[in-house]
Amino acid sequence: MSDKKPSVYLETSFISMLTSRPTAFVTTAGMQQFSILWWEKCRDKFQLFVSDLVYDEISRGDSDAIARRLQAIEDVSVLEMNEATRHLADEIVRHHGIPRKAIGDAGHVACATVHGIDYILTWNCRHIANEFRKPLIEKLIQDKGYRPPVLTTPQTLLGEHYDLDIYLRSE
């Protein structure tokens, strides 16, 4: 058995939820808490990666939020968006795996795929971790000769640390 840790690509929406200020919106607050829980309990079990695209996206908006996002990933390895990733992103869009208006989301999927990443950790369930889109995205990736990464949320990648209620009571 290999000692190599599985790899995780941290998509922008995960980093945003991890570092955003607490909110009263119940759904968003839950996403924030699951992100923090995953970060605190699970991140050491994985090799973490982002891409140039993630850096571009998290560098937009409020300067305090930008600083929190950049600080969170300062020790995370960066994958290059190259010709192969751009080509695969275009193919995913061309074959309707992800809409053209969300080409950046296709870029995240393509970058993780081309670099052989095991998981994409995201809260983007509209285009990336969407159970209706996943089969088509995975087929498109396989048809191009790649192994598709698992498209997942922090909530489903928590493993034995899943119980948020226990975590919150222990604080």
C-alpha atoms as a PDB file:
ATOM      1  CA  MET A   1       0.000   0.000   0.000  1.00  0.00           C
ATOM      2  CA  SER A   2       1.293   3.454  -0.901  1.00  0.00           C
ATOM      3  CA  ASP A   3       1.893   6.112   1.758  1.00  0.00           C
ATOM      4  CA  LYS A   4       1.040   8.800  -0.759  1.00  0.00           C
ATOM      5  CA  LYS A   5      -1.832  10.970   0.385  1.00  0.00           C
ATOM      6  CA  PRO A   6      -4.768  11.478  -1.974  1.00  0.00           C
ATOM      7  CA  SER A   7      -4.790  14.856  -3.710  1.00  0.00           C
ATOM      8  CA  VAL A   8      -7.446  17.568  -3.421  1.00  0.00           C
ATOM      9  CA  TYR A   9      -7.954  20.597  -5.637  1.00  0.00           C
ATOM     10  CA  LEU A  10      -9.429  23.434  -3.563  1.00  0.00           C
ATOM     11  CA  GLU A  11     -11.879  25.221  -5.831  1.00  0.00           C
ATOM     12  CA  THR A  12     -12.608  28.901  -5.208  1.00  0.00           C
ATOM     13  CA  SER A  13     -16.027  28.437  -3.596  1.00  0.00           C
ATOM     14  CA  PHE A  14     -14.517  26.227  -0.873  1.00  0.00           C
ATOM     15  CA  ILE A  15     -11.841  28.805  -0.052  1.00  0.00           C
ATOM     16  CA  SER A  16     -14.473  31.547   0.033  1.00  0.00           C
ATOM     17  CA  MET A  17     -16.695  29.608   2.448  1.00  0.00           C
ATOM     18  CA  LEU A  18     -13.701  28.698   4.598  1.00  0.00           C
ATOM     19  CA  THR A  19     -12.606  32.305   5.026  1.00  0.00           C
ATOM     20  CA  SER A  20     -15.826  34.324   4.853  1.00  0.00           C
ATOM     21  CA  ARG A  21     -17.263  36.138   7.839  1.00  0.00           C
ATOM     22  CA  PRO A  22     -19.998  34.260   9.731  1.00  0.00           C
ATOM     23  CA  THR A  23     -23.498  34.769   8.399  1.00  0.00           C
ATOM     24  CA  ALA A  24     -27.031  34.383   9.739  1.00  0.00           C
ATOM     25  CA  PHE A  25     -28.169  32.643   6.533  1.00  0.00           C
ATOM     26  CA  VAL A  26     -28.673  29.058   7.669  1.00  0.00           C
ATOM     27  CA  THR A  27     -27.560  27.270   4.502  1.00  0.00           C
ATOM     28  CA  THR A  28     -24.477  29.422   4.056  1.00  0.00           C
ATOM     29  CA  ALA A  29     -23.606  29.134   7.755  1.00  0.00           C
ATOM     30  CA  GLY A  30     -23.745  25.349   7.448  1.00  0.00           C
ATOM     31  CA  MET A  31     -21.465  25.438   4.416  1.00  0.00           C
ATOM     32  CA  GLN A  32     -19.042  27.654   6.336  1.00  0.00           C
ATOM     33  CA  GLN A  33     -19.039  25.285   9.309  1.00  0.00           C
ATOM     34  CA  PHE A  34     -18.511  22.196   7.145  1.00  0.00           C
ATOM     35  CA  SER A  35     -15.643  23.993   5.396  1.00  0.00           C
ATOM     36  CA  ILE A  36     -13.979  24.868   8.701  1.00  0.00           C
ATOM     37  CA  LEU A  37     -14.538  21.354  10.020  1.00  0.00           C
ATOM     38  CA  TRP A  38     -12.974  19.792   6.911  1.00  0.00           C
ATOM     39  CA  TRP A  39     -10.051  22.225   7.061  1.00  0.00           C
ATOM     40  CA  GLU A  40      -9.376  21.538  10.729  1.00  0.00           C
ATOM     41  CA  LYS A  41      -9.958  17.768  10.772  1.00  0.00           C
ATOM     42  CA  CYS A  42      -9.157  16.500   7.273  1.00  0.00           C
ATOM     43  CA  ARG A  43      -6.768  18.693   5.318  1.00  0.00           C
ATOM     44  CA  ASP A  44      -3.673  16.951   6.727  1.00  0.00           C
ATOM     45  CA  LYS A  45      -4.870  13.676   5.197  1.00  0.00           C
ATOM     46  CA  PHE A  46      -4.528  15.125   1.676  1.00  0.00           C
ATOM     47  CA  GLN A  47      -2.061  16.828  -0.649  1.00  0.00           C
ATOM     48  CA  LEU A  48      -3.650  20.220  -1.342  1.00  0.00           C
ATOM     49  CA  PHE A  49      -3.610  22.068  -4.649  1.00  0.00           C
ATOM     50  CA  VAL A  50      -5.052  25.191  -6.233  1.00  0.00           C
ATOM     51  CA  SER A  51      -4.431  26.708  -9.661  1.00  0.00           C
ATOM     52  CA  ASP A  52      -3.569  30.033 -11.205  1.00  0.00           C
ATOM     53  CA  LEU A  53      -7.305  30.330 -11.882  1.00  0.00           C
ATOM     54  CA  VAL A  54      -8.105  30.016  -8.163  1.00  0.00           C
ATOM     55  CA  TYR A  55      -5.583  32.761  -7.371  1.00  0.00           C
ATOM     56  CA  ASP A  56      -7.158  34.970 -10.027  1.00  0.00           C
ATOM     57  CA  GLU A  57     -10.668  34.437  -8.646  1.00  0.00           C
ATOM     58  CA  ILE A  58      -9.829  34.856  -4.946  1.00  0.00           C
ATOM     59  CA  SER A  59      -7.942  38.068  -5.694  1.00  0.00           C
ATOM     60  CA  ARG A  60     -11.150  39.906  -6.576  1.00  0.00           C
ATOM     61  CA  GLY A  61     -13.451  41.880  -4.292  1.00  0.00           C
ATOM     62  CA  ASP A  62     -13.066  43.258  -0.784  1.00  0.00           C
ATOM     63  CA  SER A  63      -9.425  43.705   0.258  1.00  0.00           C
ATOM     64  CA  ASP A  64      -9.949  42.139   3.714  1.00  0.00           C
ATOM     65  CA  ALA A  65     -11.633  39.095   2.165  1.00  0.00           C
ATOM     66  CA  ILE A  66      -8.845  38.812  -0.407  1.00  0.00           C
ATOM     67  CA  ALA A  67      -6.244  38.849   2.377  1.00  0.00           C
ATOM     68  CA  ARG A  68      -8.051  36.088   4.334  1.00  0.00           C
ATOM     69  CA  ARG A  69      -8.396  33.911   1.229  1.00  0.00           C
ATOM     70  CA  LEU A  70      -4.758  34.353   0.200  1.00  0.00           C
ATOM     71  CA  GLN A  71      -3.524  33.652   3.718  1.00  0.00           C
ATOM     72  CA  ALA A  72      -5.544  30.423   3.916  1.00  0.00           C
ATOM     73  CA  ILE A  73      -3.822  28.951   0.866  1.00  0.00           C
ATOM     74  CA  GLU A  74      -0.347  30.436   1.216  1.00  0.00           C
ATOM     75  CA  ASP A  75       1.196  26.968   1.737  1.00  0.00           C
ATOM     76  CA  VAL A  76      -0.886  25.190  -0.911  1.00  0.00           C
ATOM     77  CA  SER A  77       0.814  23.990  -4.117  1.00  0.00           C
ATOM     78  CA  VAL A  78      -0.191  25.733  -7.348  1.00  0.00           C
ATOM     79  CA  LEU A  79      -1.040  23.862 -10.553  1.00  0.00           C
ATOM     80  CA  GLU A  80      -0.440  25.551 -13.878  1.00  0.00           C
ATOM     81  CA  MET A  81      -3.276  26.324 -16.244  1.00  0.00           C
ATOM     82  CA  ASN A  82      -1.622  25.224 -19.481  1.00  0.00           C
ATOM     83  CA  GLU A  83      -2.604  24.426 -23.053  1.00  0.00           C
ATOM     84  CA  ALA A  84      -3.878  20.954 -22.115  1.00  0.00           C
ATOM     85  CA  THR A  85      -6.088  22.348 -19.350  1.00  0.00           C
ATOM     86  CA  ARG A  86      -7.487  25.068 -21.599  1.00  0.00           C
ATOM     87  CA  HIS A  87      -8.203  22.530 -24.350  1.00  0.00           C
ATOM     88  CA  LEU A  88     -10.007  20.168 -21.965  1.00  0.00           C
ATOM     89  CA  ALA A  89     -12.023  23.061 -20.492  1.00  0.00           C
ATOM     90  CA  ASP A  90     -13.096  24.055 -24.006  1.00  0.00           C
ATOM     91  CA  GLU A  91     -14.116  20.454 -24.755  1.00  0.00           C
ATOM     92  CA  ILE A  92     -16.168  20.223 -21.541  1.00  0.00           C
ATOM     93  CA  VAL A  93     -18.004  23.409 -22.531  1.00  0.00           C
ATOM     94  CA  ARG A  94     -18.326  22.456 -26.213  1.00  0.00           C
ATOM     95  CA  HIS A  95     -20.029  19.180 -25.260  1.00  0.00           C
ATOM     96  CA  HIS A  96     -22.336  20.881 -22.717  1.00  0.00           C
ATOM     97  CA  GLY A  97     -20.792  19.420 -19.558  1.00  0.00           C
ATOM     98  CA  ILE A  98     -20.612  22.962 -18.167  1.00  0.00           C
ATOM     99  CA  PRO A  99     -22.229  26.046 -19.764  1.00  0.00           C
ATOM    100  CA  ARG A 100     -20.029  28.470 -21.708  1.00  0.00           C
ATOM    101  CA  LYS A 101     -20.886  31.264 -19.256  1.00  0.00           C
ATOM    102  CA  ALA A 102     -19.131  29.146 -16.585  1.00  0.00           C
ATOM    103  CA  ILE A 103     -15.909  28.489 -18.527  1.00  0.00           C
ATOM    104  CA  GLY A 104     -13.959  29.180 -15.326  1.00  0.00           C
ATOM    105  CA  ASP A 105     -15.709  26.247 -13.665  1.00  0.00           C
ATOM    106  CA  ALA A 106     -14.729  24.059 -16.598  1.00  0.00           C
ATOM    107  CA  GLY A 107     -11.190  25.375 -16.113  1.00  0.00           C
ATOM    108  CA  HIS A 108     -11.128  24.137 -12.511  1.00  0.00           C
ATOM    109  CA  VAL A 109     -12.335  20.690 -13.559  1.00  0.00           C
ATOM    110  CA  ALA A 110      -9.878  20.553 -16.456  1.00  0.00           C
ATOM    111  CA  CYS A 111      -6.901  21.681 -14.383  1.00  0.00           C
ATOM    112  CA  ALA A 112      -7.530  19.100 -11.667  1.00  0.00           C
ATOM    113  CA  THR A 113      -8.084  16.422 -14.311  1.00  0.00           C
ATOM    114  CA  VAL A 114      -4.995  17.103 -16.414  1.00  0.00           C
ATOM    115  CA  HIS A 115      -2.800  17.183 -13.306  1.00  0.00           C
ATOM    116  CA  GLY A 116      -4.202  13.866 -12.033  1.00  0.00           C
ATOM    117  CA  ILE A 117      -5.874  15.208  -8.893  1.00  0.00           C
ATOM    118  CA  ASP A 118      -8.102  12.766  -6.994  1.00  0.00           C
ATOM    119  CA  TYR A 119     -10.787  15.167  -5.673  1.00  0.00           C
ATOM    120  CA  ILE A 120     -12.152  18.606  -6.420  1.00  0.00           C
ATOM    121  CA  LEU A 121     -13.447  20.177  -3.206  1.00  0.00           C
ATOM    122  CA  THR A 122     -16.153  22.695  -4.031  1.00  0.00           C
ATOM    123  CA  TRP A 123     -19.420  24.248  -2.942  1.00  0.00           C
ATOM    124  CA  ASN A 124     -20.277  24.943  -6.571  1.00  0.00           C
ATOM    125  CA  CYS A 125     -23.136  22.490  -6.959  1.00  0.00           C
ATOM    126  CA  ARG A 126     -24.585  24.363  -9.907  1.00  0.00           C
ATOM    127  CA  HIS A 127     -21.842  23.449 -12.370  1.00  0.00           C
ATOM    128  CA  ILE A 128     -19.183  21.279 -10.701  1.00  0.00           C
ATOM    129  CA  ALA A 129     -20.517  19.023  -7.914  1.00  0.00           C
ATOM    130  CA  ASN A 130     -23.888  18.735  -9.617  1.00  0.00           C
ATOM    131  CA  GLU A 131     -25.238  15.186  -9.545  1.00  0.00           C
ATOM    132  CA  PHE A 132     -27.026  15.690 -12.880  1.00  0.00           C
ATOM    133  CA  ARG A 133     -23.923  17.045 -14.650  1.00  0.00           C
ATOM    134  CA  LYS A 134     -21.364  14.661 -13.120  1.00  0.00           C
ATOM    135  CA  PRO A 135     -22.017  11.681 -15.429  1.00  0.00           C
ATOM    136  CA  LEU A 136     -21.604  13.801 -18.564  1.00  0.00           C
ATOM    137  CA  ILE A 137     -18.516  15.593 -17.226  1.00  0.00           C
ATOM    138  CA  GLU A 138     -16.948  12.274 -16.212  1.00  0.00           C
ATOM    139  CA  LYS A 139     -17.705  10.703 -19.602  1.00  0.00           C
ATOM    140  CA  LEU A 140     -16.233  13.687 -21.465  1.00  0.00           C
ATOM    141  CA  ILE A 141     -13.078  13.439 -19.360  1.00  0.00           C
ATOM    142  CA  GLN A 142     -12.777   9.679 -19.899  1.00  0.00           C
ATOM    143  CA  ASP A 143     -13.370  10.071 -23.643  1.00  0.00           C
ATOM    144  CA  LYS A 144     -10.340  12.416 -23.708  1.00  0.00           C
ATOM    145  CA  GLY A 145      -8.203   9.726 -22.056  1.00  0.00           C
ATOM    146  CA  TYR A 146      -8.130  11.077 -18.506  1.00  0.00           C
ATOM    147  CA  ARG A 147      -9.293   9.742 -15.147  1.00  0.00           C
ATOM    148  CA  PRO A 148     -11.962  12.091 -13.777  1.00  0.00           C
ATOM    149  CA  PRO A 149     -11.490  13.525 -10.302  1.00  0.00           C
ATOM    150  CA  VAL A 150     -14.255  13.005  -7.753  1.00  0.00           C
ATOM    151  CA  LEU A 151     -16.378  16.165  -7.718  1.00  0.00           C
ATOM    152  CA  THR A 152     -17.402  16.625  -4.090  1.00  0.00           C
ATOM    153  CA  THR A 153     -18.265  18.973  -1.245  1.00  0.00           C
ATOM    154  CA  PRO A 154     -16.540  19.252   2.140  1.00  0.00           C
ATOM    155  CA  GLN A 155     -19.628  17.719   3.705  1.00  0.00           C
ATOM    156  CA  THR A 156     -19.215  14.492   1.739  1.00  0.00           C
ATOM    157  CA  LEU A 157     -15.405  14.366   2.059  1.00  0.00           C
ATOM    158  CA  LEU A 158     -15.408  14.488   5.866  1.00  0.00           C
ATOM    159  CA  GLY A 159     -15.349  10.726   6.352  1.00  0.00           C
ATOM    160  CA  GLU A 160     -15.494   9.847  10.033  1.00  0.00           C
ATOM    161  CA  HIS A 161     -15.566  13.551  10.968  1.00  0.00           C
ATOM    162  CA  TYR A 162     -18.993  14.053   9.416  1.00  0.00           C
ATOM    163  CA  ASP A 163     -21.014  14.893  12.559  1.00  0.00           C
ATOM    164  CA  LEU A 164     -21.154  18.696  12.607  1.00  0.00           C
ATOM    165  CA  ASP A 165     -23.305  18.716  15.753  1.00  0.00           C
ATOM    166  CA  ILE A 166     -20.630  16.914  17.777  1.00  0.00           C
ATOM    167  CA  TYR A 167     -17.985  19.265  16.401  1.00  0.00           C
ATOM    168  CA  LEU A 168     -19.983  22.372  17.308  1.00  0.00           C
ATOM    169  CA  ARG A 169     -20.740  21.090  20.836  1.00  0.00           C
ATOM    170  CA  SER A 170     -17.023  20.429  21.434  1.00  0.00           C
ATOM    171  CA  GLU A 171     -15.989  24.027  20.751  1.00  0.00           C
END
